[in-house]
Amino acid sequence: MNPQTAGLESPDLAERLNTSCQCVSLDRAALRRELAHAPDGVALAGMIESDRPHLFSGSVVFVSGENIKRMAEIIAAVESVVALPAYIAHVMAYAPVNGRHVPRARGVFLGYDFMWHRIMQCRRN
């Protein structure tokens, strides 16, 4: 066990930190300064501020190792189902012609959104 992470795997610790932590929120000025170092970073920072203000969370959320494992299991289950030939055939039967293209990339902009309040509620029940 790594002494720096000892005890951090406890779902109770993550829940306590999320409930009672008086954490510092995102320093948007520092983010803007860091982005400015990248090519076209000033334009990127401006676009994020105007078009995607919630791209970076304003605060931290603590997640236990147990919950990370559960998320990975859910993602694996979803990906195994959507790879089934019967599922693909069913979905493609309803897809418009331009939606039937199978790209080479698995999902450049694919993301999973886990609602922590629902996960914690399910865990308690």
N, C-alpha and C. Protein backbone atom coordinates (compact mmCIF):
# COMPACT_ATOMS: atom_id res chain seq x y z
N MET A 1 0.84 -1.18 0.00
CA MET A 1 0.00 0.00 0.00
C MET A 1 0.89 1.24 0.00
N ASN A 2 0.55 2.20 -0.81
CA ASN A 2 1.28 3.44 -0.90
C ASN A 2 0.91 4.33 0.29
N PRO A 3 1.87 4.76 1.12
CA PRO A 3 1.53 5.57 2.30
C PRO A 3 0.87 6.89 1.94
N GLN A 4 1.12 7.41 0.74
CA GLN A 4 0.51 8.68 0.34
C GLN A 4 -0.97 8.53 0.02
N THR A 5 -1.39 7.32 -0.34
CA THR A 5 -2.80 7.11 -0.68
C THR A 5 -3.52 6.25 0.33
N ALA A 6 -2.87 5.91 1.42
CA ALA A 6 -3.49 5.06 2.46
C ALA A 6 -4.77 5.71 2.94
N GLY A 7 -5.84 4.96 2.92
CA GLY A 7 -7.12 5.44 3.40
C GLY A 7 -7.94 6.18 2.36
N LEU A 8 -7.34 6.54 1.22
CA LEU A 8 -8.07 7.28 0.21
C LEU A 8 -8.99 6.40 -0.62
N GLU A 9 -8.83 5.09 -0.48
CA GLU A 9 -9.68 4.18 -1.23
C GLU A 9 -11.05 4.01 -0.58
N SER A 10 -11.22 4.50 0.60
CA SER A 10 -12.48 4.35 1.31
C SER A 10 -13.56 5.19 0.69
N PRO A 11 -14.68 4.57 0.30
CA PRO A 11 -15.79 5.36 -0.25
C PRO A 11 -16.31 6.35 0.78
N ASP A 12 -16.19 6.00 2.07
CA ASP A 12 -16.64 6.90 3.13
C ASP A 12 -15.81 8.18 3.15
N LEU A 13 -14.50 8.05 2.93
CA LEU A 13 -13.65 9.23 2.93
C LEU A 13 -14.04 10.16 1.78
N ALA A 14 -14.20 9.61 0.59
CA ALA A 14 -14.59 10.43 -0.56
C ALA A 14 -15.92 11.11 -0.29
N GLU A 15 -16.88 10.37 0.27
CA GLU A 15 -18.18 10.95 0.58
C GLU A 15 -18.06 12.06 1.62
N ARG A 16 -17.24 11.84 2.65
CA ARG A 16 -17.04 12.87 3.68
C ARG A 16 -16.38 14.11 3.08
N LEU A 17 -15.38 13.91 2.24
CA LEU A 17 -14.71 15.06 1.62
C LEU A 17 -15.68 15.84 0.73
N ASN A 18 -16.51 15.13 -0.02
CA ASN A 18 -17.48 15.81 -0.88
C ASN A 18 -18.52 16.56 -0.07
N THR A 19 -18.85 16.06 1.11
CA THR A 19 -19.87 16.68 1.94
C THR A 19 -19.33 17.86 2.73
N SER A 20 -18.12 17.72 3.26
CA SER A 20 -17.66 18.74 4.21
C SER A 20 -16.42 19.52 3.79
N CYS A 21 -15.84 19.19 2.68
CA CYS A 21 -14.60 19.85 2.27
C CYS A 21 -14.87 21.29 1.84
N GLN A 22 -14.12 22.21 2.41
CA GLN A 22 -14.20 23.61 2.00
C GLN A 22 -13.09 23.83 0.97
N CYS A 23 -13.27 23.27 -0.19
CA CYS A 23 -12.22 23.26 -1.20
C CYS A 23 -12.17 24.57 -1.97
N VAL A 24 -11.00 24.86 -2.47
CA VAL A 24 -10.80 26.03 -3.30
C VAL A 24 -11.35 25.72 -4.69
N SER A 25 -12.05 26.66 -5.25
CA SER A 25 -12.62 26.43 -6.57
C SER A 25 -11.56 26.69 -7.65
N LEU A 26 -11.92 26.40 -8.87
CA LEU A 26 -11.02 26.55 -10.01
C LEU A 26 -10.55 28.00 -10.14
N ASP A 27 -9.27 28.17 -10.30
CA ASP A 27 -8.69 29.50 -10.53
C ASP A 27 -8.73 29.73 -12.04
N ARG A 28 -9.79 30.37 -12.49
CA ARG A 28 -9.98 30.58 -13.93
C ARG A 28 -8.90 31.47 -14.54
N ALA A 29 -8.40 32.42 -13.78
CA ALA A 29 -7.33 33.28 -14.29
C ALA A 29 -6.06 32.46 -14.53
N ALA A 30 -5.75 31.54 -13.62
CA ALA A 30 -4.58 30.68 -13.79
C ALA A 30 -4.78 29.74 -14.99
N LEU A 31 -5.99 29.23 -15.15
CA LEU A 31 -6.29 28.38 -16.31
C LEU A 31 -6.07 29.16 -17.60
N ARG A 32 -6.57 30.38 -17.65
CA ARG A 32 -6.40 31.23 -18.83
C ARG A 32 -4.91 31.46 -19.12
N ARG A 33 -4.13 31.74 -18.07
CA ARG A 33 -2.69 31.97 -18.26
C ARG A 33 -2.00 30.72 -18.81
N GLU A 34 -2.36 29.55 -18.27
CA GLU A 34 -1.75 28.30 -18.74
C GLU A 34 -2.14 27.99 -20.18
N LEU A 35 -3.40 28.19 -20.51
CA LEU A 35 -3.84 27.95 -21.88
C LEU A 35 -3.14 28.88 -22.86
N ALA A 36 -2.82 30.08 -22.43
CA ALA A 36 -2.18 31.07 -23.30
C ALA A 36 -0.81 30.61 -23.78
N HIS A 37 -0.19 29.66 -23.08
CA HIS A 37 1.13 29.15 -23.49
C HIS A 37 1.04 28.23 -24.72
N ALA A 38 -0.13 27.71 -25.00
CA ALA A 38 -0.30 26.79 -26.13
C ALA A 38 -0.46 27.58 -27.43
N PRO A 39 -0.16 26.95 -28.57
CA PRO A 39 -0.43 27.63 -29.84
C PRO A 39 -1.92 27.98 -29.92
N ASP A 40 -2.21 29.20 -30.29
CA ASP A 40 -3.59 29.71 -30.35
C ASP A 40 -4.28 29.63 -28.99
N GLY A 41 -3.50 29.60 -27.92
CA GLY A 41 -4.06 29.45 -26.58
C GLY A 41 -4.95 30.59 -26.14
N VAL A 42 -4.62 31.82 -26.53
CA VAL A 42 -5.45 32.96 -26.15
C VAL A 42 -6.84 32.82 -26.78
N ALA A 43 -6.87 32.43 -28.06
CA ALA A 43 -8.16 32.22 -28.73
C ALA A 43 -8.91 31.05 -28.11
N LEU A 44 -8.18 29.99 -27.76
CA LEU A 44 -8.79 28.83 -27.12
C LEU A 44 -9.40 29.22 -25.77
N ALA A 45 -8.66 29.97 -24.97
CA ALA A 45 -9.18 30.41 -23.67
C ALA A 45 -10.43 31.25 -23.84
N GLY A 46 -10.43 32.15 -24.83
CA GLY A 46 -11.61 32.98 -25.10
C GLY A 46 -12.80 32.15 -25.53
N MET A 47 -12.57 31.15 -26.38
CA MET A 47 -13.65 30.28 -26.83
C MET A 47 -14.22 29.48 -25.67
N ILE A 48 -13.37 28.97 -24.81
CA ILE A 48 -13.84 28.20 -23.65
C ILE A 48 -14.68 29.08 -22.74
N GLU A 49 -14.21 30.29 -22.48
CA GLU A 49 -14.95 31.20 -21.60
C GLU A 49 -16.30 31.58 -22.18
N SER A 50 -16.37 31.80 -23.49
CA SER A 50 -17.64 32.26 -24.08
C SER A 50 -18.56 31.12 -24.49
N ASP A 51 -18.01 30.06 -25.09
CA ASP A 51 -18.85 29.00 -25.65
C ASP A 51 -18.97 27.75 -24.77
N ARG A 52 -17.99 27.51 -23.93
CA ARG A 52 -17.98 26.29 -23.12
C ARG A 52 -17.55 26.59 -21.68
N PRO A 53 -18.29 27.45 -21.00
CA PRO A 53 -17.85 27.86 -19.66
C PRO A 53 -17.83 26.73 -18.64
N HIS A 54 -18.49 25.62 -18.91
CA HIS A 54 -18.52 24.51 -17.95
C HIS A 54 -17.63 23.35 -18.36
N LEU A 55 -16.73 23.60 -19.32
CA LEU A 55 -15.81 22.55 -19.77
C LEU A 55 -14.93 22.08 -18.62
N PHE A 56 -14.50 23.01 -17.79
CA PHE A 56 -13.71 22.69 -16.60
C PHE A 56 -14.59 22.92 -15.38
N SER A 57 -14.64 21.94 -14.51
CA SER A 57 -15.46 22.04 -13.31
C SER A 57 -14.96 23.17 -12.42
N GLY A 58 -15.90 23.87 -11.81
CA GLY A 58 -15.54 24.94 -10.90
C GLY A 58 -15.08 24.44 -9.55
N SER A 59 -15.31 23.18 -9.26
CA SER A 59 -14.90 22.63 -7.98
C SER A 59 -14.47 21.17 -8.15
N VAL A 60 -13.85 20.67 -7.13
CA VAL A 60 -13.33 19.31 -7.16
C VAL A 60 -14.40 18.33 -6.64
N VAL A 61 -14.36 17.12 -7.16
CA VAL A 61 -15.20 16.03 -6.65
C VAL A 61 -14.26 14.88 -6.33
N PHE A 62 -14.36 14.36 -5.13
CA PHE A 62 -13.53 13.24 -4.72
C PHE A 62 -14.24 11.94 -5.07
N VAL A 63 -13.49 11.01 -5.63
CA VAL A 63 -14.05 9.73 -6.07
C VAL A 63 -13.20 8.61 -5.48
N SER A 64 -13.86 7.66 -4.87
CA SER A 64 -13.13 6.54 -4.28
C SER A 64 -12.69 5.56 -5.37
N GLY A 65 -11.69 4.77 -5.05
CA GLY A 65 -11.25 3.72 -5.97
C GLY A 65 -12.36 2.75 -6.29
N GLU A 66 -13.22 2.47 -5.30
CA GLU A 66 -14.36 1.58 -5.51
C GLU A 66 -15.31 2.14 -6.57
N ASN A 67 -15.58 3.43 -6.50
CA ASN A 67 -16.47 4.03 -7.49
C ASN A 67 -15.84 4.10 -8.87
N ILE A 68 -14.54 4.33 -8.93
CA ILE A 68 -13.85 4.32 -10.22
C ILE A 68 -13.95 2.93 -10.84
N LYS A 69 -13.78 1.90 -10.01
CA LYS A 69 -13.90 0.52 -10.49
C LYS A 69 -15.32 0.27 -11.00
N ARG A 70 -16.33 0.75 -10.27
CA ARG A 70 -17.71 0.56 -10.70
C ARG A 70 -17.99 1.27 -12.03
N MET A 71 -17.44 2.47 -12.19
CA MET A 71 -17.62 3.19 -13.45
C MET A 71 -16.98 2.41 -14.60
N ALA A 72 -15.79 1.88 -14.38
CA ALA A 72 -15.11 1.10 -15.42
C ALA A 72 -15.93 -0.14 -15.79
N GLU A 73 -16.55 -0.77 -14.79
CA GLU A 73 -17.40 -1.94 -15.06
C GLU A 73 -18.63 -1.56 -15.87
N ILE A 74 -19.23 -0.42 -15.56
CA ILE A 74 -20.41 0.04 -16.31
C ILE A 74 -20.02 0.34 -17.75
N ILE A 75 -18.91 1.03 -17.94
CA ILE A 75 -18.45 1.36 -19.29
C ILE A 75 -18.16 0.08 -20.07
N ALA A 76 -17.50 -0.89 -19.44
CA ALA A 76 -17.21 -2.16 -20.12
C ALA A 76 -18.50 -2.87 -20.51
N ALA A 77 -19.50 -2.85 -19.64
CA ALA A 77 -20.78 -3.50 -19.94
C ALA A 77 -21.47 -2.81 -21.12
N VAL A 78 -21.50 -1.49 -21.11
CA VAL A 78 -22.12 -0.74 -22.22
C VAL A 78 -21.40 -1.04 -23.52
N GLU A 79 -20.07 -0.99 -23.49
CA GLU A 79 -19.31 -1.23 -24.71
C GLU A 79 -19.44 -2.65 -25.22
N SER A 80 -19.61 -3.62 -24.33
CA SER A 80 -19.79 -5.00 -24.79
C SER A 80 -21.16 -5.18 -25.44
N VAL A 81 -22.18 -4.49 -24.92
CA VAL A 81 -23.52 -4.60 -25.51
C VAL A 81 -23.57 -3.92 -26.88
N VAL A 82 -23.01 -2.70 -26.97
CA VAL A 82 -23.10 -1.99 -28.25
C VAL A 82 -22.22 -2.62 -29.33
N ALA A 83 -21.33 -3.55 -28.96
CA ALA A 83 -20.51 -4.26 -29.94
C ALA A 83 -21.19 -5.52 -30.46
N LEU A 84 -22.31 -5.92 -29.84
CA LEU A 84 -22.99 -7.14 -30.27
C LEU A 84 -23.59 -6.96 -31.66
N PRO A 85 -23.39 -7.92 -32.56
CA PRO A 85 -23.95 -7.82 -33.91
C PRO A 85 -25.47 -7.61 -33.91
N ALA A 86 -26.20 -8.25 -33.02
CA ALA A 86 -27.65 -8.08 -32.97
C ALA A 86 -28.02 -6.65 -32.59
N TYR A 87 -27.29 -6.05 -31.65
CA TYR A 87 -27.55 -4.67 -31.25
C TYR A 87 -27.26 -3.72 -32.42
N ILE A 88 -26.11 -3.93 -33.06
CA ILE A 88 -25.73 -3.08 -34.20
C ILE A 88 -26.77 -3.17 -35.30
N ALA A 89 -27.21 -4.39 -35.64
CA ALA A 89 -28.22 -4.56 -36.69
C ALA A 89 -29.53 -3.86 -36.32
N HIS A 90 -29.95 -3.97 -35.07
CA HIS A 90 -31.19 -3.33 -34.62
C HIS A 90 -31.09 -1.81 -34.72
N VAL A 91 -29.98 -1.25 -34.25
CA VAL A 91 -29.81 0.20 -34.29
C VAL A 91 -29.69 0.70 -35.73
N MET A 92 -28.93 0.00 -36.53
CA MET A 92 -28.74 0.43 -37.92
C MET A 92 -30.03 0.37 -38.72
N ALA A 93 -30.95 -0.50 -38.34
CA ALA A 93 -32.23 -0.58 -39.04
C ALA A 93 -33.03 0.71 -38.89
N TYR A 94 -32.80 1.44 -37.82
CA TYR A 94 -33.51 2.70 -37.57
C TYR A 94 -32.69 3.93 -37.92
N ALA A 95 -31.43 3.73 -38.23
CA ALA A 95 -30.54 4.87 -38.49
C ALA A 95 -30.76 5.43 -39.89
N PRO A 96 -30.68 6.76 -40.02
CA PRO A 96 -30.73 7.32 -41.36
C PRO A 96 -29.48 6.90 -42.14
N VAL A 97 -29.51 7.06 -43.45
CA VAL A 97 -28.41 6.60 -44.30
C VAL A 97 -27.08 7.19 -43.83
N ASN A 98 -27.06 8.50 -43.51
CA ASN A 98 -25.78 9.10 -43.11
C ASN A 98 -25.34 8.66 -41.71
N GLY A 99 -26.21 7.99 -40.97
CA GLY A 99 -25.86 7.47 -39.65
C GLY A 99 -25.37 6.03 -39.69
N ARG A 100 -25.33 5.44 -40.87
CA ARG A 100 -24.91 4.04 -40.98
C ARG A 100 -23.42 3.87 -41.24
N HIS A 101 -22.73 4.98 -41.35
CA HIS A 101 -21.28 4.94 -41.55
C HIS A 101 -20.62 4.49 -40.24
N VAL A 102 -19.74 3.53 -40.34
CA VAL A 102 -19.02 3.05 -39.16
C VAL A 102 -17.62 3.66 -39.20
N PRO A 103 -17.34 4.63 -38.33
CA PRO A 103 -16.03 5.28 -38.35
C PRO A 103 -14.94 4.37 -37.82
N ARG A 104 -13.71 4.66 -38.21
CA ARG A 104 -12.59 3.86 -37.73
C ARG A 104 -12.30 4.14 -36.25
N ALA A 105 -12.48 5.37 -35.83
CA ALA A 105 -12.25 5.72 -34.43
C ALA A 105 -13.43 5.25 -33.59
N ARG A 106 -13.16 4.73 -32.41
CA ARG A 106 -14.23 4.23 -31.54
C ARG A 106 -15.09 5.34 -30.97
N GLY A 107 -14.52 6.49 -30.78
CA GLY A 107 -15.31 7.58 -30.21
C GLY A 107 -14.43 8.73 -29.77
N VAL A 108 -14.13 9.62 -30.68
CA VAL A 108 -13.26 10.74 -30.37
C VAL A 108 -13.90 11.64 -29.32
N PHE A 109 -15.19 11.91 -29.47
CA PHE A 109 -15.88 12.80 -28.54
C PHE A 109 -16.86 12.05 -27.66
N LEU A 110 -16.59 10.79 -27.44
CA LEU A 110 -17.45 9.97 -26.62
C LEU A 110 -17.11 10.18 -25.15
N GLY A 111 -18.12 10.36 -24.34
CA GLY A 111 -17.90 10.53 -22.91
C GLY A 111 -19.01 9.87 -22.13
N TYR A 112 -18.74 9.55 -20.91
CA TYR A 112 -19.74 8.98 -20.02
C TYR A 112 -19.94 9.98 -18.88
N ASP A 113 -21.17 10.28 -18.58
CA ASP A 113 -21.50 11.24 -17.54
C ASP A 113 -22.12 10.50 -16.38
N PHE A 114 -21.39 10.42 -15.29
CA PHE A 114 -21.89 9.72 -14.11
C PHE A 114 -22.44 10.73 -13.13
N MET A 115 -23.69 10.55 -12.76
CA MET A 115 -24.34 11.44 -11.81
C MET A 115 -24.09 10.92 -10.41
N TRP A 116 -23.18 11.57 -9.69
CA TRP A 116 -22.73 11.06 -8.40
C TRP A 116 -23.85 10.90 -7.39
N HIS A 117 -24.81 11.82 -7.39
CA HIS A 117 -25.88 11.68 -6.40
C HIS A 117 -26.68 10.41 -6.65
N ARG A 118 -26.84 10.00 -7.92
CA ARG A 118 -27.55 8.76 -8.23
C ARG A 118 -26.70 7.54 -7.87
N ILE A 119 -25.41 7.61 -8.14
CA ILE A 119 -24.54 6.48 -7.82
C ILE A 119 -24.52 6.26 -6.31
N MET A 120 -24.40 7.34 -5.56
CA MET A 120 -24.35 7.21 -4.11
C MET A 120 -25.69 6.71 -3.58
N GLN A 121 -26.79 7.15 -4.18
CA GLN A 121 -28.11 6.69 -3.76
C GLN A 121 -28.25 5.19 -4.01
N CYS A 122 -27.81 4.74 -5.18
CA CYS A 122 -27.89 3.31 -5.50
C CYS A 122 -27.01 2.50 -4.56
N ARG A 123 -25.84 3.04 -4.22
CA ARG A 123 -24.93 2.34 -3.34
C ARG A 123 -25.53 2.14 -1.96
N ARG A 124 -26.29 3.13 -1.51
CA ARG A 124 -26.89 3.05 -0.17
C ARG A 124 -28.05 2.06 -0.11
N ASN A 125 -28.71 1.84 -1.24
CA ASN A 125 -29.91 0.98 -1.27
C ASN A 125 -29.59 -0.46 -1.52
